[in-house]
């Protein structure tokens, strides 16, 4: 799900002034370039491209400008262009966002989203409003998404409530997604609960996802538990266990026996020469013959970042 408040505004794929290249392994076991992300100064321009048949094809380019800024907030414009396999622009999206800072820990964001139609004309596609209130260690954000109706007006079709509690030791986050049904009522469809704790040089995160099941009740559908440990030399290792109602290729469990292990990941991030950062991901999955037995580790990707690589390399 992962639709936290920050995602309502376009974010760069990589850190400022950086270049990130992702490599995968083909069927012959060869290391091949898969995708590349380049980013300029913070939030200004980001480009994503993919290697197809040995040539680099643009996939997406995003550029953000600050239209106005003052003590009480700012207005930004983000234009994102998405490209087809022929390298031509297939869709253009424009987001104008007005951020306002209020008193007493209050703030608001109002964003209007425009998208190009088949004829290339920009049409208003969505209106988003976020109201955030911070009191002590708790921050609550109420989100309303409005989309066009058949009569040409805009009506709320989606609501989200994001709550974050940070007591200095553990960060607890929850996000509830409510969608409008045919009768006009808003009912909760999905929920995500995340808990992050830092102990020394290790960061542990546990994320649980719930969805509305066939009986109309919220049921745990997936869980991800990760542990990241950073060494003094800047390298870090992340171990991730991903659980689901059923592993890939297995029937879904409706008897409430709990989630099954779906995948285990080991992500190693190592500083390289010239300020580069190399991140490799190895995975293990249950075998098709025995869902309780994990298969051998398989390297699925390698990411190389150069420039500003303080955050995780882009995926």
Protein backbone atom coordinates (compact mmCIF):
# COMPACT_ATOMS: atom_id res chain seq x y z
CA UNK A 1 0.00 0.00 0.00
CA UNK A 2 2.55 2.55 1.18
CA UNK A 3 0.75 5.84 0.58
CA UNK A 4 2.20 8.01 3.35
CA UNK A 5 1.57 11.73 3.29
CA UNK A 6 4.93 12.54 1.71
CA UNK A 7 3.95 10.49 -1.33
CA UNK A 8 1.19 12.91 -2.25
CA UNK A 9 3.88 15.17 -3.63
CA UNK A 10 6.30 13.91 -6.28
CA UNK A 11 9.55 12.67 -4.83
CA UNK A 12 12.87 12.07 -6.53
CA UNK A 13 13.86 8.52 -7.36
CA UNK A 14 17.36 9.06 -6.01
CA UNK A 15 19.31 11.47 -3.86
CA UNK A 16 20.36 14.88 -5.12
CA UNK A 17 23.05 15.01 -7.82
CA UNK A 18 23.31 11.26 -8.19
CA UNK A 19 23.33 8.55 -10.85
CA UNK A 20 22.00 5.10 -10.06
CA UNK A 21 22.22 2.05 -12.31
CA UNK A 22 20.42 -1.21 -11.67
CA UNK A 23 21.75 -4.51 -12.99
CA UNK A 24 19.89 -7.83 -13.19
CA UNK A 25 20.86 -11.35 -14.15
CA UNK A 26 19.50 -12.76 -17.42
CA UNK A 27 18.52 -16.38 -18.13
CA UNK A 28 22.10 -17.16 -19.10
CA UNK A 29 23.43 -15.86 -15.79
CA UNK A 30 24.97 -12.75 -17.30
CA UNK A 31 24.94 -9.38 -15.55
CA UNK A 32 23.00 -6.90 -17.69
CA UNK A 33 22.05 -3.26 -17.20
CA UNK A 34 18.32 -2.94 -16.51
CA UNK A 35 17.49 0.64 -15.51
CA UNK A 36 19.17 3.96 -14.76
CA UNK A 37 18.12 6.94 -12.64
CA UNK A 38 19.77 10.36 -12.75
CA UNK A 39 18.90 13.18 -10.36
CA UNK A 40 20.06 16.79 -10.18
CA UNK A 41 19.69 19.18 -7.25
CA UNK A 42 17.10 18.38 -4.56
CA UNK A 43 13.68 17.91 -6.10
CA UNK A 44 14.56 19.65 -9.36
CA UNK A 45 14.90 16.99 -12.03
CA UNK A 46 14.86 13.22 -12.08
CA UNK A 47 15.08 10.93 -15.11
CA UNK A 48 14.40 7.20 -15.27
CA UNK A 49 15.45 5.10 -18.26
CA UNK A 50 15.64 1.41 -19.07
CA UNK A 51 17.97 -0.63 -21.26
CA UNK A 52 16.07 -2.38 -24.06
CA UNK A 53 17.98 -4.47 -26.62
CA UNK A 54 21.21 -2.72 -25.75
CA UNK A 55 19.91 0.85 -26.02
CA UNK A 56 18.81 3.22 -23.29
CA UNK A 57 15.13 4.13 -23.60
CA UNK A 58 13.64 6.93 -21.45
CA UNK A 59 10.77 5.87 -19.21
CA UNK A 60 10.03 8.93 -17.12
CA UNK A 61 11.34 12.44 -16.48
CA UNK A 62 10.19 14.63 -13.61
CA UNK A 63 10.96 18.27 -12.86
CA UNK A 64 9.87 20.37 -9.86
CA UNK A 65 9.85 24.17 -9.62
CA UNK A 66 9.02 26.44 -6.70
CA UNK A 67 6.51 28.98 -8.01
CA UNK A 68 6.32 31.05 -4.84
CA UNK A 69 7.57 30.78 -1.27
CA UNK A 70 6.96 32.77 1.89
CA UNK A 71 6.89 32.49 5.70
CA UNK A 72 3.51 30.74 5.67
CA UNK A 73 4.21 28.20 2.93
CA UNK A 74 5.01 27.69 -0.73
CA UNK A 75 3.58 26.69 -4.09
CA UNK A 76 5.34 24.11 -6.25
CA UNK A 77 4.77 22.75 -9.74
CA UNK A 78 5.90 19.28 -10.79
CA UNK A 79 5.74 18.13 -14.40
CA UNK A 80 6.21 14.41 -15.07
CA UNK A 81 6.53 13.01 -18.58
CA UNK A 82 6.15 9.29 -19.23
CA UNK A 83 7.51 7.75 -22.41
CA UNK A 84 6.49 4.81 -24.57
CA UNK A 85 8.82 2.14 -25.95
CA UNK A 86 9.39 4.33 -29.02
CA UNK A 87 10.84 7.11 -26.86
CA UNK A 88 7.89 9.46 -27.42
CA UNK A 89 5.93 11.10 -24.62
CA UNK A 90 2.87 8.96 -23.88
CA UNK A 91 1.50 10.95 -20.94
CA UNK A 92 2.19 14.24 -19.19
CA UNK A 93 1.18 14.93 -15.60
CA UNK A 94 1.24 18.33 -13.91
CA UNK A 95 0.84 18.73 -10.15
CA UNK A 96 0.40 22.15 -8.56
CA UNK A 97 0.67 21.93 -4.76
CA UNK A 98 0.08 24.67 -2.20
CA UNK A 99 1.62 24.01 1.20
CA UNK A 100 0.44 26.17 4.10
CA UNK A 101 1.89 26.26 7.62
CA UNK A 102 -0.49 27.13 10.42
CA UNK A 103 -0.14 27.77 14.13
CA UNK A 104 -0.10 25.10 16.81
CA UNK A 105 1.46 22.34 14.75
CA UNK A 106 -1.10 22.56 11.94
CA UNK A 107 -0.34 22.45 8.23
CA UNK A 108 -2.20 21.75 5.01
CA UNK A 109 -1.47 20.74 1.43
CA UNK A 110 -3.84 21.30 -1.46
CA UNK A 111 -2.77 19.74 -4.74
CA UNK A 112 -4.39 19.70 -8.16
CA UNK A 113 -3.37 17.00 -10.63
CA UNK A 114 -3.67 17.46 -14.40
CA UNK A 115 -3.08 14.71 -16.98
CA UNK A 116 -2.94 14.78 -20.75
CA UNK A 117 -5.73 13.07 -22.71
CA UNK A 118 -5.40 11.14 -25.98
CA UNK A 119 -5.18 14.42 -27.88
CA UNK A 120 -2.47 15.82 -25.63
CA UNK A 121 -4.74 18.34 -23.88
CA UNK A 122 -4.28 18.74 -20.13
CA UNK A 123 -7.39 17.81 -18.14
CA UNK A 124 -7.95 18.19 -14.41
CA UNK A 125 -7.73 14.65 -13.05
CA UNK A 126 -7.65 14.84 -9.27
CA UNK A 127 -7.79 17.18 -6.28
CA UNK A 128 -6.02 16.24 -3.06
CA UNK A 129 -6.28 17.87 0.35
CA UNK A 130 -4.17 16.98 3.40
CA UNK A 131 -4.77 18.45 6.86
CA UNK A 132 -2.06 17.67 9.42
CA UNK A 133 -2.10 18.32 13.16
CA UNK A 134 0.81 17.61 15.52
CA UNK A 135 0.27 17.42 19.27
CA UNK A 136 3.19 16.29 21.40
CA UNK A 137 4.48 12.98 20.03
CA UNK A 138 1.46 12.34 17.81
CA UNK A 139 0.89 13.56 14.24
CA UNK A 140 -2.44 12.93 12.50
CA UNK A 141 -3.04 13.61 8.80
CA UNK A 142 -6.50 13.47 7.21
CA UNK A 143 -6.45 13.04 3.45
CA UNK A 144 -9.33 13.54 0.99
CA UNK A 145 -9.02 12.67 -2.70
CA UNK A 146 -11.60 14.14 -5.11
CA UNK A 147 -12.06 12.87 -8.68
CA UNK A 148 -14.38 13.87 -11.55
CA UNK A 149 -17.92 12.48 -11.69
CA UNK A 150 -20.14 11.80 -14.71
CA UNK A 151 -21.84 15.19 -14.29
CA UNK A 152 -18.51 16.99 -14.63
CA UNK A 153 -18.08 17.95 -10.98
CA UNK A 154 -15.64 16.67 -8.37
CA UNK A 155 -16.63 14.47 -5.43
CA UNK A 156 -14.60 12.72 -2.72
CA UNK A 157 -13.88 9.12 -3.71
CA UNK A 158 -11.15 8.23 -1.23
CA UNK A 159 -10.16 9.14 2.31
CA UNK A 160 -7.04 8.26 4.27
CA UNK A 161 -6.06 8.73 7.88
CA UNK A 162 -2.36 8.58 8.73
CA UNK A 163 -1.28 8.54 12.38
CA UNK A 164 2.33 8.67 13.58
CA UNK A 165 3.46 8.37 17.20
CA UNK A 166 7.15 8.96 17.93
CA UNK A 167 8.13 8.62 21.57
CA UNK A 168 11.84 8.91 20.84
CA UNK A 169 12.41 5.15 21.02
CA UNK A 170 9.82 3.60 18.75
CA UNK A 171 7.96 5.12 15.79
CA UNK A 172 4.47 3.70 15.29
CA UNK A 173 2.63 4.52 12.08
CA UNK A 174 -0.79 3.50 10.84
CA UNK A 175 -2.66 4.30 7.65
CA UNK A 176 -6.30 3.48 6.99
CA UNK A 177 -7.74 3.72 3.47
CA UNK A 178 -11.47 4.30 3.06
CA UNK A 179 -13.16 4.06 -0.33
CA UNK A 180 -16.60 5.26 -1.31
CA UNK A 181 -19.15 2.54 -2.08
CA UNK A 182 -22.12 2.86 -4.50
CA UNK A 183 -24.39 4.11 -1.69
CA UNK A 184 -22.01 6.99 -0.92
CA UNK A 185 -20.68 5.56 2.34
CA UNK A 186 -16.95 5.39 3.07
CA UNK A 187 -15.76 2.01 4.31
CA UNK A 188 -12.26 0.93 5.30
CA UNK A 189 -10.70 -1.30 2.66
CA UNK A 190 -7.04 -1.53 3.64
CA UNK A 191 -4.89 -0.73 6.65
CA UNK A 192 -1.13 -0.67 7.16
CA UNK A 193 0.57 -0.64 10.55
CA UNK A 194 4.32 -0.07 10.81
CA UNK A 195 6.62 -0.04 13.84
CA UNK A 196 10.24 1.05 13.69
CA UNK A 197 12.73 0.71 16.54
CA UNK A 198 16.41 1.66 16.62
CA UNK A 199 18.72 -0.23 18.96
CA UNK A 200 22.35 0.82 18.68
CA UNK A 201 23.38 0.44 15.03
CA UNK A 202 20.39 -1.77 14.15
CA UNK A 203 17.03 -0.57 12.86
CA UNK A 204 14.13 -3.03 13.09
CA UNK A 205 10.92 -2.46 11.15
CA UNK A 206 7.75 -4.53 11.20
CA UNK A 207 4.96 -3.77 8.72
CA UNK A 208 1.57 -5.51 8.70
CA UNK A 209 -1.04 -5.10 5.95
CA UNK A 210 -4.76 -5.75 6.39
CA UNK A 211 -7.44 -5.97 3.71
CA UNK A 212 -11.19 -6.46 3.64
CA UNK A 213 -11.78 -10.18 3.08
CA UNK A 214 -14.66 -12.03 1.40
CA UNK A 215 -16.62 -12.02 4.66
CA UNK A 216 -16.40 -8.23 4.99
CA UNK A 217 -13.89 -8.29 7.85
CA UNK A 218 -10.39 -6.83 8.02
CA UNK A 219 -7.90 -9.69 7.72
CA UNK A 220 -4.12 -9.73 7.91
CA UNK A 221 -2.86 -10.36 4.37
CA UNK A 222 0.86 -9.66 4.47
CA UNK A 223 3.70 -8.89 6.84
CA UNK A 224 7.26 -7.72 6.35
CA UNK A 225 9.90 -7.82 9.08
CA UNK A 226 13.28 -6.25 8.38
CA UNK A 227 16.47 -5.63 10.31
CA UNK A 228 19.19 -3.27 9.08
CA UNK A 229 22.62 -3.11 10.70
CA UNK A 230 25.18 -0.49 9.72
CA UNK A 231 28.93 -1.00 10.19
CA UNK A 232 31.47 1.75 11.02
CA UNK A 233 32.87 1.61 7.45
CA UNK A 234 29.48 2.67 6.03
CA UNK A 235 28.42 -0.75 4.81
CA UNK A 236 25.09 -2.17 5.91
CA UNK A 237 23.18 -5.43 5.74
CA UNK A 238 19.40 -5.69 5.65
CA UNK A 239 17.59 -8.96 6.28
CA UNK A 240 13.94 -9.04 5.22
CA UNK A 241 11.32 -11.71 5.80
CA UNK A 242 8.13 -11.34 3.75
CA UNK A 243 5.00 -13.21 4.79
CA UNK A 244 1.65 -13.61 3.01
CA UNK A 245 -1.57 -15.60 3.27
CA UNK A 246 0.03 -18.04 0.85
CA UNK A 247 3.42 -18.42 -0.78
CA UNK A 248 3.66 -18.07 -4.57
CA UNK A 249 2.20 -21.10 -6.31
CA UNK A 250 0.31 -22.28 -3.21
CA UNK A 251 -3.46 -22.05 -2.54
CA UNK A 252 -4.64 -19.21 -0.33
CA UNK A 253 -5.25 -20.08 3.33
CA UNK A 254 -8.74 -19.07 4.50
CA UNK A 255 -8.69 -21.09 7.74
CA UNK A 256 -6.81 -18.48 9.71
CA UNK A 257 -3.64 -20.50 10.23
CA UNK A 258 -1.54 -17.37 9.86
CA UNK A 259 0.72 -15.99 7.14
CA UNK A 260 3.30 -18.14 5.38
CA UNK A 261 6.86 -17.18 4.53
CA UNK A 262 6.88 -15.91 0.96
CA UNK A 263 10.40 -14.61 0.54
CA UNK A 264 13.63 -13.95 2.40
CA UNK A 265 15.92 -11.17 1.24
CA UNK A 266 19.47 -10.24 2.14
CA UNK A 267 20.42 -6.76 0.90
CA UNK A 268 24.08 -5.81 1.20
CA UNK A 269 25.11 -2.17 0.69
CA UNK A 270 28.85 -1.52 0.36
CA UNK A 271 30.80 1.70 -0.30
CA UNK A 272 32.88 1.44 -3.46
CA UNK A 273 35.68 3.41 -5.11
CA UNK A 274 35.14 7.04 -6.08
CA UNK A 275 32.27 7.56 -3.69
CA UNK A 276 30.07 4.91 -5.30
CA UNK A 277 27.70 2.65 -3.39
CA UNK A 278 26.95 -0.91 -4.51
CA UNK A 279 23.79 -2.65 -3.32
CA UNK A 280 23.16 -6.35 -4.06
CA UNK A 281 19.97 -8.27 -3.31
CA UNK A 282 19.80 -12.03 -2.82
CA UNK A 283 16.49 -13.84 -2.28
CA UNK A 284 15.27 -17.24 -1.14
CA UNK A 285 11.75 -18.51 -1.78
CA UNK A 286 9.87 -21.65 -0.72
CA UNK A 287 10.20 -24.58 -3.08
CA UNK A 288 7.14 -25.66 -5.06
CA UNK A 289 7.41 -29.21 -3.72
CA UNK A 290 7.60 -28.18 -0.04
CA UNK A 291 6.28 -24.76 0.97
CA UNK A 292 8.05 -25.03 4.34
CA UNK A 293 11.46 -25.51 2.75
CA UNK A 294 13.41 -22.54 1.40
CA UNK A 295 15.29 -22.79 -1.88
CA UNK A 296 18.86 -21.73 -2.54
CA UNK A 297 19.81 -18.01 -2.48
CA UNK A 298 19.48 -16.26 -5.84
CA UNK A 299 21.03 -12.91 -6.72
CA UNK A 300 18.31 -10.86 -8.41
CA UNK A 301 19.77 -7.37 -8.67
CA UNK A 302 22.77 -5.14 -8.25
CA UNK A 303 22.47 -1.36 -7.92
CA UNK A 304 25.38 1.04 -8.37
CA UNK A 305 24.99 4.66 -7.21
CA UNK A 306 27.45 7.51 -7.74
CA UNK A 307 27.29 11.04 -6.35
CA UNK A 308 25.00 11.79 -3.42
CA UNK A 309 24.14 8.31 -2.15
CA UNK A 310 23.27 9.06 1.48
CA UNK A 311 19.87 7.37 1.17
CA UNK A 312 19.08 3.94 -0.21
CA UNK A 313 19.81 3.61 -3.93
CA UNK A 314 16.73 3.84 -6.12
CA UNK A 315 14.90 0.65 -7.08
